[in-house]
Amino acid sequence: MSIETPPVHRSRLLPQLVKFGAVGAVGFVVNLVVFNGLLLTPLSKNHWGAIIATVIASAVAITTNYIGNRYWAFAAQRQEKATREGLEFFIISVAGMVIPVICVYVSRVVLGYDSRLADNIANNGVGLVLGTLFRFSFYRWWVFSPKRAHRTPAGEAAAEPVGVVPTTTLPTASLPTASLPAAPDSGLVGR
């Protein structure tokens, strides 16, 4: 049984992928400059220097990418709850950062390559490709998913039925917690 993507989602995928790629290109340049800049410091003499440089460069690039993805690539799906969205973005970005760190670790420690070229191939070649695929998938279908029912896109007020008092104005002491329905959450894939 195959799951088909509705035409509306397919028509938004390519432009979104192009924007994500452009944001990623900026993040790549930031990562490349910071990583190689750190390798020019005494950090490069440390056995773990390339791994430390990978973590620092990735953290700077994550910040750059969050701004670009939130306000441009996924702007239509941006949520009001920036703290939650930022936390989810950070979780996925850190998980995505582990991929190039593992690649540099394997290159340096397991395979014994310690040249700047080998570090760049491991970090900005293999690690970048694998990390990008991982991050795009999770950003699109989890962090910035428009189908997360319990989230309201930024700039749009939640639609309240006519004649219903918004729950935020009710005193919390009078609400029985056992009768409140759970907010629907379709999980990681945003079904």
Protein backbone atom coordinates (compact mmCIF):
# COMPACT_ATOMS: atom_id res chain seq x y z
CA MET A 1 0.00 0.00 0.00
CA SER A 2 1.54 3.30 -1.03
CA ILE A 3 0.83 6.63 0.54
CA GLU A 4 0.42 9.34 -2.05
CA THR A 5 1.26 12.94 -1.32
CA PRO A 6 -1.66 15.24 -2.11
CA PRO A 7 -1.04 17.62 -5.08
CA VAL A 8 -1.01 20.67 -2.80
CA HIS A 9 1.83 19.22 -0.74
CA ARG A 10 3.79 18.19 -3.85
CA SER A 11 3.48 21.68 -5.33
CA ARG A 12 4.94 23.19 -2.14
CA LEU A 13 7.73 20.65 -1.76
CA LEU A 14 10.03 21.83 -4.56
CA PRO A 15 10.04 25.57 -3.69
CA GLN A 16 10.44 24.66 -0.03
CA LEU A 17 13.29 22.31 -0.85
CA VAL A 18 15.00 25.04 -2.90
CA LYS A 19 14.65 27.54 -0.03
CA PHE A 20 15.88 24.93 2.45
CA GLY A 21 18.84 24.31 0.15
CA ALA A 22 19.63 28.04 -0.03
CA VAL A 23 19.47 28.36 3.76
CA GLY A 24 21.60 25.24 4.00
CA ALA A 25 24.13 26.73 1.57
CA VAL A 26 24.49 29.77 3.82
CA GLY A 27 24.81 27.45 6.82
CA PHE A 28 27.41 25.43 4.91
CA VAL A 29 29.51 28.53 4.26
CA VAL A 30 29.21 29.57 7.92
CA ASN A 31 30.16 26.04 9.01
CA LEU A 32 33.07 25.88 6.55
CA VAL A 33 34.49 29.27 7.58
CA VAL A 34 34.15 28.65 11.32
CA PHE A 35 35.46 25.06 11.07
CA ASN A 36 38.53 25.96 9.02
CA GLY A 37 39.12 29.11 11.06
CA LEU A 38 39.24 26.98 14.20
CA LEU A 39 41.64 24.56 12.51
CA LEU A 40 44.04 27.49 12.06
CA THR A 41 44.19 27.99 15.85
CA PRO A 42 46.14 25.93 18.39
CA LEU A 43 43.01 23.76 18.56
CA SER A 44 44.33 21.92 15.50
CA LYS A 45 47.26 20.57 17.52
CA ASN A 46 44.85 18.83 19.90
CA HIS A 47 44.03 15.21 18.98
CA TRP A 48 40.32 15.99 19.44
CA GLY A 49 40.62 19.47 17.88
CA ALA A 50 38.81 18.62 14.64
CA ILE A 51 35.91 17.11 16.56
CA ILE A 52 35.68 20.15 18.85
CA ALA A 53 35.85 22.43 15.79
CA THR A 54 33.03 20.40 14.19
CA VAL A 55 30.79 20.87 17.23
CA ILE A 56 31.47 24.64 17.48
CA ALA A 57 31.06 25.24 13.73
CA SER A 58 27.85 23.19 13.69
CA ALA A 59 26.41 25.16 16.62
CA VAL A 60 27.03 28.47 14.84
CA ALA A 61 25.54 27.09 11.60
CA ILE A 62 22.48 25.74 13.50
CA THR A 63 21.70 29.23 14.77
CA THR A 64 22.06 30.68 11.26
CA ASN A 65 19.90 27.92 9.78
CA TYR A 66 17.14 28.33 12.37
CA ILE A 67 16.72 31.98 11.48
CA GLY A 68 16.70 31.22 7.74
CA ASN A 69 14.34 28.26 8.01
CA ARG A 70 11.90 29.91 10.44
CA TYR A 71 11.61 33.20 8.61
CA TRP A 72 12.03 32.09 5.01
CA ALA A 73 12.08 28.40 4.02
CA PHE A 74 9.28 27.31 6.36
CA ALA A 75 7.74 30.77 6.95
CA ALA A 76 4.26 29.63 5.91
CA GLN A 77 4.34 26.92 8.56
CA ARG A 78 5.97 29.03 11.25
CA GLN A 79 4.18 28.59 14.56
CA GLU A 80 3.26 31.07 17.27
CA LYS A 81 4.97 28.94 19.87
CA ALA A 82 8.51 29.94 18.90
CA THR A 83 9.96 28.46 22.08
CA ARG A 84 8.56 25.00 21.38
CA GLU A 85 9.44 25.23 17.70
CA GLY A 86 12.94 26.42 18.57
CA LEU A 87 13.39 23.56 21.03
CA GLU A 88 12.23 21.01 18.44
CA PHE A 89 14.53 22.60 15.83
CA PHE A 90 17.42 22.47 18.30
CA ILE A 91 16.77 18.78 19.11
CA ILE A 92 16.76 17.81 15.43
CA SER A 93 19.76 20.03 14.68
CA VAL A 94 21.80 18.51 17.49
CA ALA A 95 20.84 15.03 16.32
CA GLY A 96 21.83 16.13 12.80
CA MET A 97 25.10 17.54 14.16
CA VAL A 98 26.01 14.15 15.60
CA ILE A 99 26.18 12.75 12.06
CA PRO A 100 29.20 14.83 10.89
CA VAL A 101 30.82 14.43 14.32
CA ILE A 102 30.62 10.65 13.88
CA CYS A 103 32.03 11.03 10.35
CA VAL A 104 35.01 13.07 11.63
CA TYR A 105 35.50 10.62 14.51
CA VAL A 106 35.55 7.64 12.13
CA SER A 107 37.92 9.45 9.77
CA ARG A 108 40.30 10.59 12.54
CA VAL A 109 40.19 7.89 15.17
CA VAL A 110 39.11 4.73 13.35
CA LEU A 111 40.73 5.27 9.95
CA GLY A 112 43.64 7.42 11.16
CA TYR A 113 43.27 10.28 8.66
CA ASP A 114 44.42 13.50 10.27
CA SER A 115 44.84 15.95 7.40
CA ARG A 116 42.74 19.06 6.96
CA LEU A 117 41.47 17.63 3.65
CA ALA A 118 40.31 14.42 5.34
CA ASP A 119 38.61 16.44 8.10
CA ASN A 120 36.78 18.56 5.50
CA ILE A 121 35.69 15.53 3.48
CA ALA A 122 34.37 13.82 6.60
CA ASN A 123 32.67 16.94 8.01
CA ASN A 124 31.62 18.96 4.97
CA GLY A 125 31.23 16.10 2.52
CA VAL A 126 29.85 12.86 3.90
CA GLY A 127 28.56 14.36 7.16
CA LEU A 128 26.87 17.28 5.38
CA VAL A 129 24.95 15.11 2.93
CA LEU A 130 23.72 12.63 5.53
CA GLY A 131 22.92 15.36 8.06
CA THR A 132 21.03 17.44 5.49
CA LEU A 133 18.76 14.56 4.50
CA PHE A 134 18.04 13.83 8.14
CA ARG A 135 17.33 17.47 9.09
CA PHE A 136 15.13 18.33 6.09
CA SER A 137 12.94 15.30 6.72
CA PHE A 138 12.39 16.09 10.37
CA TYR A 139 12.04 19.88 9.89
CA ARG A 140 9.40 19.40 7.22
CA TRP A 141 7.39 16.63 8.84
CA TRP A 142 7.79 17.47 12.51
CA VAL A 143 9.20 20.88 13.50
CA PHE A 144 7.47 22.99 10.85
CA SER A 145 4.67 20.56 9.97
CA PRO A 146 1.46 22.42 9.07
CA LYS A 147 -0.52 19.35 10.09
CA ARG A 148 0.32 19.52 13.78
CA ALA A 149 -3.27 20.18 14.84
CA HIS A 150 -2.50 21.59 18.27
CA ARG A 151 -0.39 24.39 16.81
CA THR A 152 -1.57 27.62 15.22
CA PRO A 153 0.50 29.16 12.40
CA ALA A 154 2.16 32.44 13.39
CA GLY A 155 0.05 35.45 12.56
CA GLU A 156 -3.21 33.52 12.56
CA ALA A 157 -5.54 33.41 15.54
CA ALA A 158 -7.05 30.08 16.46
CA ALA A 159 -10.59 29.89 15.13
CA GLU A 160 -13.07 29.83 18.01
CA PRO A 161 -16.61 28.69 17.29
CA VAL A 162 -19.18 31.47 17.53
CA GLY A 163 -20.61 31.82 21.02
CA VAL A 164 -17.85 29.81 22.71
CA VAL A 165 -15.76 31.47 25.37
CA PRO A 166 -12.03 30.86 24.75
CA THR A 167 -10.63 28.44 27.32
CA THR A 168 -7.89 30.88 28.27
CA THR A 169 -10.46 33.15 29.96
CA LEU A 170 -11.98 30.40 32.11
CA PRO A 171 -10.66 30.00 35.64
CA THR A 172 -8.52 26.88 35.78
CA ALA A 173 -9.86 25.81 39.17
CA SER A 174 -13.33 25.22 37.70
CA LEU A 175 -12.12 22.97 34.88
CA PRO A 176 -12.27 19.24 35.60
CA THR A 177 -9.04 17.85 34.20
CA ALA A 178 -10.38 14.34 33.62
CA SER A 179 -12.91 15.56 31.06
CA LEU A 180 -10.54 17.59 28.90
CA PRO A 181 -9.87 15.90 25.56
CA ALA A 182 -6.24 15.31 24.59
CA ALA A 183 -4.89 17.59 21.87
CA PRO A 184 -4.49 15.60 18.66
CA ASP A 185 -0.89 15.13 17.66
CA SER A 186 -0.10 13.07 14.63
CA GLY A 187 3.46 12.45 15.69
CA LEU A 188 6.65 12.76 13.69
CA VAL A 189 5.18 12.29 10.24
CA GLY A 190 2.42 14.87 10.64
CA ARG A 191 -0.42 12.76 9.26
